[in-house]
Protein backbone atom coordinates (compact mmCIF):
# COMPACT_ATOMS: atom_id res chain seq x y z
CA UNK A 1 15.82 -24.89 -14.43
CA UNK A 2 14.93 -23.98 -10.83
CA UNK A 3 18.52 -22.92 -10.14
CA UNK A 4 18.44 -20.62 -13.19
CA UNK A 5 15.21 -19.01 -11.97
CA UNK A 6 16.63 -18.48 -8.47
CA UNK A 7 19.84 -17.06 -9.89
CA UNK A 8 17.91 -14.72 -12.20
CA UNK A 9 15.69 -13.48 -9.37
CA UNK A 10 18.80 -12.87 -7.22
CA UNK A 11 20.40 -10.84 -10.01
CA UNK A 12 17.21 -8.83 -10.51
CA UNK A 13 17.04 -8.17 -6.78
CA UNK A 14 20.65 -6.92 -6.75
CA UNK A 15 20.17 -4.72 -9.82
CA UNK A 16 16.93 -3.16 -8.63
CA UNK A 17 17.99 -2.94 -4.99
CA UNK A 18 14.99 -5.05 -3.97
CA UNK A 19 12.83 -1.93 -3.95
CA UNK A 20 9.55 -2.47 -2.12
CA UNK A 21 6.44 -2.64 -4.25
CA UNK A 22 4.10 0.23 -3.54
CA UNK A 23 0.48 0.50 -4.48
CA UNK A 24 0.40 4.29 -4.36
CA UNK A 25 -1.43 5.83 -7.29
CA UNK A 26 -1.28 9.47 -8.29
CA UNK A 27 -4.69 11.17 -8.25
CA UNK A 28 -3.84 14.83 -8.90
CA UNK A 29 -1.19 17.41 -7.95
CA UNK A 30 0.05 16.23 -4.53
CA UNK A 31 -2.88 13.87 -3.93
CA UNK A 32 -2.41 10.10 -3.88
CA UNK A 33 -4.41 6.97 -3.16
CA UNK A 34 -3.58 3.54 -1.75
CA UNK A 35 -6.07 0.68 -2.00
CA UNK A 36 -5.54 -2.70 -0.36
CA UNK A 37 -7.84 -5.70 -0.09
CA UNK A 38 -7.70 -7.99 2.91
CA UNK A 39 -7.33 -11.72 2.49
CA UNK A 40 -9.13 -14.56 4.16
CA UNK A 41 -9.01 -14.17 7.91
CA UNK A 42 -7.40 -10.72 7.75
CA UNK A 43 -7.62 -8.10 10.45
CA UNK A 44 -9.07 -4.79 9.19
CA UNK A 45 -7.17 -2.85 11.87
CA UNK A 46 -3.87 -4.37 10.68
CA UNK A 47 -4.80 -3.65 7.05
CA UNK A 48 -5.46 0.02 7.86
CA UNK A 49 -2.20 0.23 9.79
CA UNK A 50 -0.27 -1.23 6.85
CA UNK A 51 -1.80 1.27 4.41
CA UNK A 52 -1.12 4.22 6.73
CA UNK A 53 2.47 3.03 7.07
CA UNK A 54 2.79 2.90 3.27
CA UNK A 55 1.51 6.49 3.04
CA UNK A 56 3.96 7.61 5.73
CA UNK A 57 6.90 5.92 3.97
CA UNK A 58 5.85 7.37 0.60
CA UNK A 59 5.65 10.89 2.06
CA UNK A 60 8.92 10.47 3.93
CA UNK A 61 10.70 9.37 0.74
CA UNK A 62 9.48 12.60 -0.87
CA UNK A 63 10.73 14.61 2.11
CA UNK A 64 7.22 15.60 3.11
CA UNK A 65 4.46 14.80 5.55
CA UNK A 66 0.98 13.64 4.66
CA UNK A 67 -2.58 14.58 5.46
CA UNK A 68 -5.44 12.07 5.23
CA UNK A 69 -8.22 13.37 2.98
CA UNK A 70 -10.50 10.32 2.83
CA UNK A 71 -10.73 6.76 4.15
CA UNK A 72 -13.16 4.15 2.85
CA UNK A 73 -13.92 0.54 3.62
CA UNK A 74 -15.83 -1.25 0.88
CA UNK A 75 -17.31 -4.62 1.81
CA UNK A 76 -16.64 -7.50 -0.54
CA UNK A 77 -19.77 -8.18 -2.60
CA UNK A 78 -18.76 -11.67 -3.79
CA UNK A 79 -20.43 -14.75 -2.42
CA UNK A 80 -17.85 -17.32 -1.45
CA UNK A 81 -17.75 -20.74 0.14
CA UNK A 82 -15.72 -19.44 3.06
CA UNK A 83 -16.91 -16.73 5.46
CA UNK A 84 -14.19 -14.34 4.35
CA UNK A 85 -15.05 -10.67 4.37
CA UNK A 86 -12.38 -9.45 1.98
CA UNK A 87 -13.04 -5.78 2.53
CA UNK A 88 -11.13 -3.18 0.56
CA UNK A 89 -9.58 -0.23 2.41
CA UNK A 90 -8.80 2.93 0.43
CA UNK A 91 -6.83 5.88 1.71
CA UNK A 92 -6.61 9.19 -0.12
CA UNK A 93 -3.94 11.53 1.15
CA UNK A 94 -2.09 14.69 0.23
CA UNK A 95 1.60 15.42 0.60
CA UNK A 96 2.29 18.46 2.76
CA UNK A 97 5.42 20.31 3.79
CA UNK A 98 6.68 19.14 7.18
CA UNK A 99 6.13 21.52 10.09
CA UNK A 100 9.15 23.62 10.97
CA UNK A 101 10.38 23.41 14.54
């Protein structure tokens, strides 16, 4: 059973090209949003860097640049046993034409 699952996931990976999963959502026109939540013991600076990198890759794949419109950090409001501040970082950005040299 496990071998069948591994084989199936390998075939799916080959067929789809192992495309990375993106959490980019379309807001309007050329405006998009990415929202990521940190896990236990995460580093907010690393989380922001990861989201900005996703925006850069998304824009690059479209042959464009990007402009940050809004950034928000929302503190986690749950009460948990562990002291984990699972903040959510949201980035709203717009695709722009790259600058000509």
